[in-house]
């Protein structure tokens, strides 16, 4: 019998905006593997509130942006005073506590809210993306989720909701990386430490590499 392993297409790291069937405008921040936790920003059509979706949690975006270094003035200029007011009214300091647990966890040494906010901001802004992709979808070649990139994501969400910008075709070949059998097998071995231990044990027992496929 013979075996075949197909090439696999994977979405490149970057920011991709779409409109869901519910009418909700959503931006998927697809972070480079090993460089952070992928998550989503979205704009609730019924409330006009920007939110962050990470894991199973939805949180108001204002405290998150603030932790990343985005000022109140910058948010007002990007969204307008009325929309900013609607979002500021949903500010919730517990958001930082929840994000701190998800992004920093037991590694953290923060002892108060300000330190937690700084740690969350650092964790988010250090997340890496593909600048070629963000150049296409955000208009600037952002390599990290820096404060200006995060604010530009919200501007894109707002522009799409107003019909002033198009969503991104994330299935376009320009946004795909293709992996062949050699890539997939190498990845599987490097991630599966149990595989390596088993092969090492067999090789050590026999004193040769005959059992190595």
Protein backbone atom coordinates (compact mmCIF):
# COMPACT_ATOMS: atom_id res chain seq x y z
CA UNK A 1 0.00 0.00 0.00
CA UNK A 2 1.11 3.58 -0.57
CA UNK A 3 0.57 6.71 1.46
CA UNK A 4 0.14 10.28 0.27
CA UNK A 5 0.30 13.51 2.25
CA UNK A 6 -1.29 16.57 0.70
CA UNK A 7 0.10 20.07 0.83
CA UNK A 8 -1.61 22.20 3.45
CA UNK A 9 -2.59 25.86 3.17
CA UNK A 10 -2.47 28.00 6.30
CA UNK A 11 -3.52 31.58 6.85
CA UNK A 12 -0.57 33.96 7.06
CA UNK A 13 -0.15 36.02 10.24
CA UNK A 14 -1.91 39.37 10.01
CA UNK A 15 -5.25 41.14 10.49
CA UNK A 16 -8.30 40.08 8.47
CA UNK A 17 -11.65 41.87 8.65
CA UNK A 18 -14.99 40.32 7.76
CA UNK A 19 -18.72 40.80 8.29
CA UNK A 20 -20.46 37.87 9.96
CA UNK A 21 -23.96 36.71 9.07
CA UNK A 22 -25.19 38.35 12.28
CA UNK A 23 -24.07 41.73 10.91
CA UNK A 24 -21.19 41.93 13.36
CA UNK A 25 -17.94 43.34 11.94
CA UNK A 26 -14.97 41.29 13.13
CA UNK A 27 -11.19 41.52 12.75
CA UNK A 28 -9.16 38.36 13.26
CA UNK A 29 -5.68 39.12 14.60
CA UNK A 30 -3.84 36.01 13.43
CA UNK A 31 -0.58 36.08 15.39
CA UNK A 32 2.62 34.42 14.18
CA UNK A 33 3.00 30.93 15.74
CA UNK A 34 4.82 31.09 19.05
CA UNK A 35 4.61 34.89 19.14
CA UNK A 36 1.36 35.41 21.02
CA UNK A 37 -2.27 34.39 21.25
CA UNK A 38 -4.53 34.94 18.25
CA UNK A 39 -7.72 36.83 19.07
CA UNK A 40 -10.44 39.02 17.57
CA UNK A 41 -11.73 42.57 17.76
CA UNK A 42 -15.37 43.18 16.88
CA UNK A 43 -17.87 45.99 16.70
CA UNK A 44 -21.31 45.26 18.13
CA UNK A 45 -23.85 46.66 15.64
CA UNK A 46 -26.53 47.11 18.30
CA UNK A 47 -24.40 49.07 20.79
CA UNK A 48 -21.51 50.54 18.79
CA UNK A 49 -19.11 49.12 21.37
CA UNK A 50 -15.73 47.71 20.35
CA UNK A 51 -14.89 44.44 22.08
CA UNK A 52 -12.09 41.91 22.31
CA UNK A 53 -12.77 38.19 21.97
CA UNK A 54 -10.04 35.95 23.32
CA UNK A 55 -10.54 32.33 24.28
CA UNK A 56 -14.19 32.17 25.34
CA UNK A 57 -14.34 35.69 26.79
CA UNK A 58 -15.69 38.94 25.34
CA UNK A 59 -14.32 42.13 26.91
CA UNK A 60 -14.65 45.88 26.27
CA UNK A 61 -11.76 47.12 24.13
CA UNK A 62 -11.17 50.56 25.72
CA UNK A 63 -9.14 49.34 28.74
CA UNK A 64 -7.19 47.02 26.44
CA UNK A 65 -6.22 49.83 24.07
CA UNK A 66 -5.31 52.01 27.02
CA UNK A 67 -2.95 49.31 28.33
CA UNK A 68 -1.31 49.29 24.88
CA UNK A 69 -0.60 53.00 25.04
CA UNK A 70 -3.55 54.40 23.06
CA UNK A 71 -4.65 57.71 24.56
CA UNK A 72 -8.19 58.96 25.12
CA UNK A 73 -7.53 61.70 22.55
CA UNK A 74 -6.43 59.18 19.92
CA UNK A 75 -9.59 57.10 20.46
CA UNK A 76 -11.79 60.20 20.20
CA UNK A 77 -10.09 61.28 16.98
CA UNK A 78 -10.39 57.81 15.48
CA UNK A 79 -14.01 57.14 16.43
CA UNK A 80 -15.59 60.54 17.02
CA UNK A 81 -16.71 61.91 20.38
CA UNK A 82 -20.13 60.21 20.38
CA UNK A 83 -18.84 56.72 19.61
CA UNK A 84 -15.96 57.15 22.05
CA UNK A 85 -18.45 58.14 24.77
CA UNK A 86 -20.48 55.00 24.13
CA UNK A 87 -17.33 52.88 24.46
CA UNK A 88 -15.94 54.73 27.49
CA UNK A 89 -19.22 54.07 29.30
CA UNK A 90 -18.50 50.32 28.99
CA UNK A 91 -15.00 50.58 30.47
CA UNK A 92 -14.43 47.74 32.96
CA UNK A 93 -11.20 47.48 35.01
CA UNK A 94 -11.81 43.75 35.51
CA UNK A 95 -10.88 43.33 31.85
CA UNK A 96 -7.22 43.83 32.71
CA UNK A 97 -7.38 41.23 35.49
CA UNK A 98 -8.86 38.67 33.11
CA UNK A 99 -6.35 39.41 30.35
CA UNK A 100 -3.47 39.29 32.79
CA UNK A 101 -4.45 35.74 33.74
CA UNK A 102 -4.70 34.69 30.08
CA UNK A 103 -1.59 36.40 28.71
CA UNK A 104 0.78 36.48 31.68
CA UNK A 105 -0.56 34.07 34.29
CA UNK A 106 1.75 32.62 36.90
CA UNK A 107 4.81 34.06 35.17
CA UNK A 108 3.72 37.54 36.20
CA UNK A 109 4.99 39.53 39.16
CA UNK A 110 2.49 42.41 39.08
CA UNK A 111 1.08 43.46 42.46
CA UNK A 112 -1.40 46.17 41.45
CA UNK A 113 -3.72 47.22 38.62
CA UNK A 114 -1.23 49.57 36.97
CA UNK A 115 1.48 46.91 36.82
CA UNK A 116 -1.00 44.37 35.44
CA UNK A 117 -2.10 46.87 32.79
CA UNK A 118 1.50 47.47 31.74
CA UNK A 119 2.18 43.72 31.56
CA UNK A 120 -0.93 43.14 29.44
CA UNK A 121 0.02 45.98 27.12
CA UNK A 122 3.52 44.61 26.70
CA UNK A 123 2.21 41.10 25.99
CA UNK A 124 -0.15 42.42 23.31
CA UNK A 125 2.17 44.89 21.58
CA UNK A 126 4.95 42.29 21.35
CA UNK A 127 2.73 39.91 19.36
CA UNK A 128 4.14 39.49 15.85
CA UNK A 129 2.46 39.49 12.44
CA UNK A 130 3.51 39.46 8.78
CA UNK A 131 4.15 43.08 7.68
CA UNK A 132 3.39 42.18 4.06
CA UNK A 133 -0.11 41.08 5.08
CA UNK A 134 -0.83 44.05 7.35
CA UNK A 135 0.37 46.36 4.58
CA UNK A 136 -2.41 44.96 2.40
CA UNK A 137 -5.18 44.80 5.01
CA UNK A 138 -4.37 47.79 7.25
CA UNK A 139 -2.45 49.99 4.84
CA UNK A 140 0.78 49.92 6.85
CA UNK A 141 3.42 47.18 7.25
CA UNK A 142 2.98 46.49 10.94
CA UNK A 143 5.27 43.76 12.24
CA UNK A 144 3.88 43.93 15.79
CA UNK A 145 0.48 44.64 17.28
CA UNK A 146 1.67 48.06 18.40
CA UNK A 147 -0.74 50.72 19.65
CA UNK A 148 -1.14 52.36 16.20
CA UNK A 149 -1.85 48.98 14.62
CA UNK A 150 -4.53 48.21 17.22
CA UNK A 151 -6.16 51.60 16.64
CA UNK A 152 -6.03 51.06 12.87
CA UNK A 153 -7.87 47.76 13.36
CA UNK A 154 -10.73 49.64 15.02
CA UNK A 155 -10.69 52.25 12.23
CA UNK A 156 -10.99 49.45 9.67
CA UNK A 157 -13.90 47.91 11.60
CA UNK A 158 -15.66 51.27 11.68
CA UNK A 159 -14.98 51.98 7.99
CA UNK A 160 -16.38 48.58 6.97
CA UNK A 161 -19.48 49.12 9.11
CA UNK A 162 -20.06 52.48 7.38
CA UNK A 163 -19.53 51.00 3.92
CA UNK A 164 -16.37 53.05 3.41
CA UNK A 165 -13.99 50.06 3.19
CA UNK A 166 -14.16 46.48 1.97
CA UNK A 167 -13.69 43.34 4.02
CA UNK A 168 -10.61 41.16 3.41
CA UNK A 169 -10.69 38.00 1.32
CA UNK A 170 -8.75 35.80 3.72
CA UNK A 171 -8.98 32.87 1.27
CA UNK A 172 -6.96 34.78 -1.35
CA UNK A 173 -3.73 32.98 -2.27
CA UNK A 174 -1.74 36.07 -1.25
CA UNK A 175 -2.77 35.39 2.36
CA UNK A 176 -1.88 31.70 2.39
CA UNK A 177 1.32 29.83 3.24
CA UNK A 178 1.68 26.35 1.77
CA UNK A 179 3.30 23.48 3.65
CA UNK A 180 4.57 20.28 2.03
CA UNK A 181 5.13 16.82 3.59
CA UNK A 182 8.66 17.75 4.69
CA UNK A 183 7.32 20.79 6.58
CA UNK A 184 4.45 18.91 8.22
CA UNK A 185 6.59 15.95 9.32
CA UNK A 186 9.31 18.23 10.68
CA UNK A 187 6.70 20.23 12.60
CA UNK A 188 5.07 17.10 14.00
CA UNK A 189 8.38 15.73 15.27
CA UNK A 190 9.51 19.03 16.78
CA UNK A 191 6.20 19.46 18.60
CA UNK A 192 5.79 15.84 19.64
CA UNK A 193 8.54 15.33 22.18
CA UNK A 194 7.14 11.87 22.91
CA UNK A 195 8.03 10.83 19.34
CA UNK A 196 11.64 11.89 19.82
CA UNK A 197 11.94 10.14 23.18
CA UNK A 198 10.56 6.90 21.72
CA UNK A 199 12.98 6.97 18.78
CA UNK A 200 15.92 7.77 21.06
CA UNK A 201 15.00 4.88 23.37
CA UNK A 202 14.83 2.41 20.45
CA UNK A 203 18.11 3.64 18.97
CA UNK A 204 19.85 3.47 22.35
CA UNK A 205 18.58 -0.04 23.04
CA UNK A 206 19.64 -1.43 19.65
CA UNK A 207 22.78 0.66 19.29
CA UNK A 208 21.85 1.63 15.72
CA UNK A 209 19.30 3.60 13.66
CA UNK A 210 17.56 0.61 12.03
CA UNK A 211 14.28 1.48 13.76
CA UNK A 212 14.36 5.07 12.51
CA UNK A 213 11.72 5.49 9.74
